[in-house]
C-alpha atoms as a PDB file:
ATOM      1  CA  MET A   1     132.197 193.676 131.099  1.00  0.00           C
ATOM      2  CA  GLY A   2     133.667 190.972 128.842  1.00  0.00           C
ATOM      3  CA  SER A   3     130.434 190.696 126.856  1.00  0.00           C
ATOM      4  CA  GLU A   4     130.426 194.442 126.252  1.00  0.00           C
ATOM      5  CA  ARG A   5     134.063 194.400 125.104  1.00  0.00           C
ATOM      6  CA  SER A   6     133.444 191.475 122.764  1.00  0.00           C
ATOM      7  CA  ARG A   7     130.305 193.047 121.284  1.00  0.00           C
ATOM      8  CA  GLU A   8     132.278 196.232 120.601  1.00  0.00           C
ATOM      9  CA  ALA A   9     134.988 194.177 118.867  1.00  0.00           C
ATOM     10  CA  GLN A  10     132.326 192.298 116.900  1.00  0.00           C
ATOM     11  CA  MET A  11     130.805 195.537 115.607  1.00  0.00           C
ATOM     12  CA  LYS A  12     134.229 196.946 114.698  1.00  0.00           C
ATOM     13  CA  LEU A  13     135.141 193.804 112.743  1.00  0.00           C
ATOM     14  CA  PHE A  14     131.680 193.729 111.141  1.00  0.00           C
ATOM     15  CA  ASN A  15     132.319 197.226 109.782  1.00  0.00           C
ATOM     16  CA  TYR A  16     135.352 195.857 107.924  1.00  0.00           C
ATOM     17  CA  THR A  17     134.134 192.428 106.824  1.00  0.00           C
ATOM     18  CA  GLY A  18     130.327 192.573 106.696  1.00  0.00           C
ATOM     19  CA  PHE A  19     130.179 189.603 109.077  1.00  0.00           C
ATOM     20  CA  ALA A  20     131.652 189.033 112.516  1.00  0.00           C
ATOM     21  CA  MET A  21     130.986 186.318 115.043  1.00  0.00           C
ATOM     22  CA  LEU A  22     131.301 186.945 118.770  1.00  0.00           C
ATOM     23  CA  THR A  23     133.827 184.545 120.310  1.00  0.00           C
ATOM     24  CA  TYR A  24     135.340 184.818 123.804  1.00  0.00           C
ATOM     25  CA  THR A  25     133.911 187.086 126.504  1.00  0.00           C
ATOM     26  CA  ILE A  26     135.971 185.640 129.366  1.00  0.00           C
ATOM     27  CA  LYS A  27     139.443 184.172 129.661  1.00  0.00           C
ATOM     28  CA  GLN A  28     141.138 181.915 132.153  1.00  0.00           C
ATOM     29  CA  THR A  29     144.135 183.366 133.971  1.00  0.00           C
ATOM     30  CA  ASP A  30     146.159 182.362 137.012  1.00  0.00           C
ATOM     31  CA  LYS A  31     143.568 184.333 139.030  1.00  0.00           C
ATOM     32  CA  GLY A  32     140.628 182.380 137.612  1.00  0.00           C
ATOM     33  CA  PHE A  33     138.152 183.623 135.041  1.00  0.00           C
ATOM     34  CA  GLU A  34     138.282 187.270 133.995  1.00  0.00           C
ATOM     35  CA  PRO A  35     136.663 189.359 131.259  1.00  0.00           C
ATOM     36  CA  VAL A  36     138.593 189.574 127.998  1.00  0.00           C
ATOM     37  CA  GLY A  37     140.837 192.620 127.805  1.00  0.00           C
ATOM     38  CA  GLU A  38     139.724 195.938 126.397  1.00  0.00           C
ATOM     39  CA  GLU A  39     142.534 196.047 123.807  1.00  0.00           C
ATOM     40  CA  MET A  40     141.550 195.943 120.133  1.00  0.00           C
ATOM     41  CA  LEU A  41     144.324 194.114 118.300  1.00  0.00           C
ATOM     42  CA  THR A  42     143.928 192.622 114.851  1.00  0.00           C
ATOM     43  CA  GLY A  43     145.180 189.216 113.836  1.00  0.00           C
ATOM     44  CA  SER A  44     144.657 186.616 111.157  1.00  0.00           C
ATOM     45  CA  MET A  45     144.891 182.907 110.463  1.00  0.00           C
ATOM     46  CA  THR A  46     145.427 181.378 107.052  1.00  0.00           C
ATOM     47  CA  ARG A  47     144.439 177.894 106.000  1.00  0.00           C
ATOM     48  CA  GLY A  48     144.851 176.857 102.405  1.00  0.00           C
ATOM     49  CA  ASN A  49     143.495 179.651 100.236  1.00  0.00           C
ATOM     50  CA  GLU A  50     141.348 181.209 102.973  1.00  0.00           C
ATOM     51  CA  MET A  51     141.997 183.715 105.729  1.00  0.00           C
ATOM     52  CA  MET A  52     140.038 184.601 108.853  1.00  0.00           C
ATOM     53  CA  LEU A  53     140.454 187.916 110.636  1.00  0.00           C
ATOM     54  CA  PHE A  54     140.170 188.460 114.386  1.00  0.00           C
ATOM     55  CA  ILE A  55     140.051 191.197 116.969  1.00  0.00           C
ATOM     56  CA  CYS A  56     141.688 190.038 120.169  1.00  0.00           C
ATOM     57  CA  ASP A  57     143.103 191.275 123.458  1.00  0.00           C
ATOM     58  CA  ASN A  58     146.749 191.421 124.582  1.00  0.00           C
ATOM     59  CA  ASP A  59     146.647 187.750 125.605  1.00  0.00           C
ATOM     60  CA  GLY A  60     145.422 186.666 122.163  1.00  0.00           C
ATOM     61  CA  TYR A  61     141.856 185.842 123.187  1.00  0.00           C
ATOM     62  CA  ALA A  62     139.715 186.423 120.101  1.00  0.00           C
ATOM     63  CA  LYS A  63     136.715 188.565 120.915  1.00  0.00           C
ATOM     64  CA  ALA A  64     135.388 188.483 117.342  1.00  0.00           C
ATOM     65  CA  GLN A  65     136.192 186.641 114.134  1.00  0.00           C
ATOM     66  CA  SER A  66     135.259 186.988 110.488  1.00  0.00           C
ATOM     67  CA  LYS A  67     133.926 184.306 108.205  1.00  0.00           C
ATOM     68  CA  PRO A  68     136.523 182.688 105.917  1.00  0.00           C
ATOM     69  CA  LEU A  69     137.684 185.186 103.285  1.00  0.00           C
ATOM     70  CA  THR A  70     139.764 184.760 100.163  1.00  0.00           C
ATOM     71  CA  LEU A  71     143.449 185.466 100.789  1.00  0.00           C
ATOM     72  CA  GLU A  72     143.293 188.579  98.605  1.00  0.00           C
ATOM     73  CA  GLU A  73     140.225 189.973 100.368  1.00  0.00           C
ATOM     74  CA  GLY A  74     141.585 189.112 103.817  1.00  0.00           C
ATOM     75  CA  ARG A  75     144.928 190.790 103.129  1.00  0.00           C
ATOM     76  CA  LYS A  76     143.244 193.961 101.836  1.00  0.00           C
ATOM     77  CA  ILE A  77     140.974 194.213 104.867  1.00  0.00           C
ATOM     78  CA  ALA A  78     143.818 193.447 107.307  1.00  0.00           C
ATOM     79  CA  GLN A  79     145.927 196.177 105.706  1.00  0.00           C
ATOM     80  CA  ARG A  80     143.066 198.665 105.989  1.00  0.00           C
ATOM     81  CA  MET A  81     142.601 197.778 109.670  1.00  0.00           C
ATOM     82  CA  LEU A  82     146.286 198.478 110.306  1.00  0.00           C
ATOM     83  CA  GLN A  83     146.132 201.724 108.344  1.00  0.00           C
ATOM     84  CA  ASP A  84     143.174 202.764 110.503  1.00  0.00           C
ATOM     85  CA  GLY A  85     145.350 202.419 113.593  1.00  0.00           C
ATOM     86  CA  LEU A  86     144.620 198.948 114.946  1.00  0.00           C
ATOM     87  CA  GLU A  87     147.754 197.240 116.172  1.00  0.00           C
ATOM     88  CA  GLU A  88     148.664 193.778 114.952  1.00  0.00           C
ATOM     89  CA  PHE A  89     148.673 190.866 117.382  1.00  0.00           C
ATOM     90  CA  LYS A  90     151.658 188.684 116.478  1.00  0.00           C
ATOM     91  CA  GLY A  91     151.252 185.816 118.948  1.00  0.00           C
ATOM     92  CA  THR A  92     149.021 182.755 118.919  1.00  0.00           C
ATOM     93  CA  ILE A  93     145.342 183.643 118.700  1.00  0.00           C
ATOM     94  CA  LYS A  94     143.080 181.715 121.033  1.00  0.00           C
ATOM     95  CA  THR A  95     139.810 181.115 119.267  1.00  0.00           C
ATOM     96  CA  VAL A  96     136.809 178.838 119.404  1.00  0.00           C
ATOM     97  CA  SER A  97     137.669 175.560 117.628  1.00  0.00           C
END
């Protein structure tokens, strides 16, 4: 189930960025390991003059991530994602280091 959810997120992000890497398919909770959530929230991380975009679940587990984008390109794509109805995740994104 988690793999399916992450692949769906990967394809959605790919449609915006032209590249998307699959990240988490499971997450660790107080109940043990569970599939990532079905929510499709958008988030971003900025480092220097680059931005990466993510699609994550309610707990912040990134299901898909973009390649590094310029700040301008990342901001434009993030805005379009929000305009298309994706909600913004405002917490800490958990991603593959």
